Amino acid sequence: MDAGNEPRAVRIKRLRMRAWHRGIKEMDLILGGWADRHLATADDATLDMFETVMAEADQDLYQWVSGQAPAPVEVAPFLALVASEFKPR
């Protein structure tokens, strides 16, 4: 079965697994936490954007979410949403 025909529940489970197993613990916490809070109720466009973000390198994502570097225009609004929930200690 190709990803385009993947059942929604399977897609969400796959995305959550990927979000929690990034390789950099900070991104596991940021993306995994966001996934836990939002993927179940996300619309298809949000799932698509999350999947796009998941294809980016952890080092870049962390810099974008933490504000250390500007995010690319195509993902900036979504990452701003993620960053708005990220509270470093």
Protein backbone atom coordinates (compact mmCIF):
# COMPACT_ATOMS: atom_id res chain seq x y z
CA MET A 1 0.00 0.00 0.00
CA ASP A 2 1.43 3.43 -0.87
CA ALA A 3 1.46 6.31 1.64
CA GLY A 4 -1.33 8.09 -0.28
CA ASN A 5 -3.73 5.25 0.52
CA GLU A 6 -2.53 4.75 4.07
CA PRO A 7 -5.38 4.71 6.61
CA ARG A 8 -5.46 7.83 8.78
CA ALA A 9 -4.90 5.90 12.04
CA VAL A 10 -1.85 4.16 10.58
CA ARG A 11 -0.46 7.46 9.28
CA ILE A 12 -0.85 9.11 12.68
CA LYS A 13 0.79 6.17 14.43
CA ARG A 14 3.70 6.25 11.96
CA LEU A 15 4.17 10.01 12.35
CA ARG A 16 4.08 9.81 16.15
CA MET A 17 6.68 7.04 16.11
CA ARG A 18 8.94 9.09 13.84
CA ALA A 19 8.43 12.19 15.98
CA TRP A 20 9.58 10.37 19.12
CA HIS A 21 12.58 8.68 17.47
CA ARG A 22 14.40 11.55 15.76
CA GLY A 23 17.94 11.00 17.02
CA ILE A 24 18.29 14.25 18.96
CA LYS A 25 16.50 14.08 22.31
CA GLU A 26 15.45 17.75 22.17
CA MET A 27 13.64 17.19 18.89
CA ASP A 28 12.07 13.98 20.24
CA LEU A 29 10.59 16.03 23.07
CA ILE A 30 9.52 18.97 20.90
CA LEU A 31 8.06 17.05 17.94
CA GLY A 32 6.93 14.01 19.89
CA GLY A 33 5.17 16.17 22.43
CA TRP A 34 3.51 18.21 19.71
CA ALA A 35 2.46 15.02 17.93
CA ASP A 36 0.92 13.60 21.11
CA ARG A 37 -1.08 16.78 21.67
CA HIS A 38 -2.27 17.45 18.12
CA LEU A 39 -2.02 14.68 15.52
CA ALA A 40 -5.21 12.87 16.52
CA THR A 41 -7.30 15.96 15.78
CA ALA A 42 -5.18 17.42 12.97
CA ASP A 43 -6.66 17.91 9.52
CA ASP A 44 -5.00 16.41 6.43
CA ALA A 45 -3.16 19.65 5.59
CA THR A 46 -1.61 19.71 9.06
CA LEU A 47 -0.59 16.07 8.77
CA ASP A 48 0.99 16.86 5.40
CA MET A 49 2.91 19.79 6.87
CA PHE A 50 4.03 17.75 9.87
CA GLU A 51 5.31 15.10 7.49
CA THR A 52 7.19 17.77 5.51
CA VAL A 53 8.78 19.07 8.71
CA MET A 54 9.71 15.53 9.74
CA ALA A 55 11.81 15.22 6.56
CA GLU A 56 14.10 18.04 7.72
CA ALA A 57 17.36 17.49 9.61
CA ASP A 58 17.15 17.69 13.40
CA GLN A 59 19.93 20.26 13.64
CA ASP A 60 18.07 22.61 11.30
CA LEU A 61 14.71 22.01 12.98
CA TYR A 62 16.12 22.78 16.41
CA GLN A 63 17.64 26.05 15.22
CA TRP A 64 14.37 27.06 13.57
CA VAL A 65 12.13 26.13 16.50
CA SER A 66 14.45 27.74 19.05
CA GLY A 67 14.76 30.93 17.00
CA GLN A 68 18.49 30.56 16.43
CA ALA A 69 17.96 30.67 12.65
CA PRO A 70 15.05 31.68 10.42
CA ALA A 71 12.93 28.81 9.13
CA PRO A 72 12.30 28.39 5.39
CA VAL A 73 9.19 30.24 4.24
CA GLU A 74 7.26 27.06 3.40
CA VAL A 75 7.49 25.68 6.96
CA ALA A 76 7.87 28.88 9.00
CA PRO A 77 4.19 29.32 10.00
CA PHE A 78 3.90 25.72 11.16
CA LEU A 79 7.18 25.86 13.08
CA ALA A 80 6.07 29.10 14.71
CA LEU A 81 3.03 27.19 15.98
CA VAL A 82 5.23 24.39 17.31
CA ALA A 83 7.63 26.91 18.88
CA SER A 84 4.76 28.71 20.61
CA GLU A 85 4.26 25.56 22.71
CA PHE A 86 7.95 24.94 23.31
CA LYS A 87 9.07 26.31 26.66
CA PRO A 88 12.78 25.72 27.33
CA ARG A 89 13.74 25.39 30.98
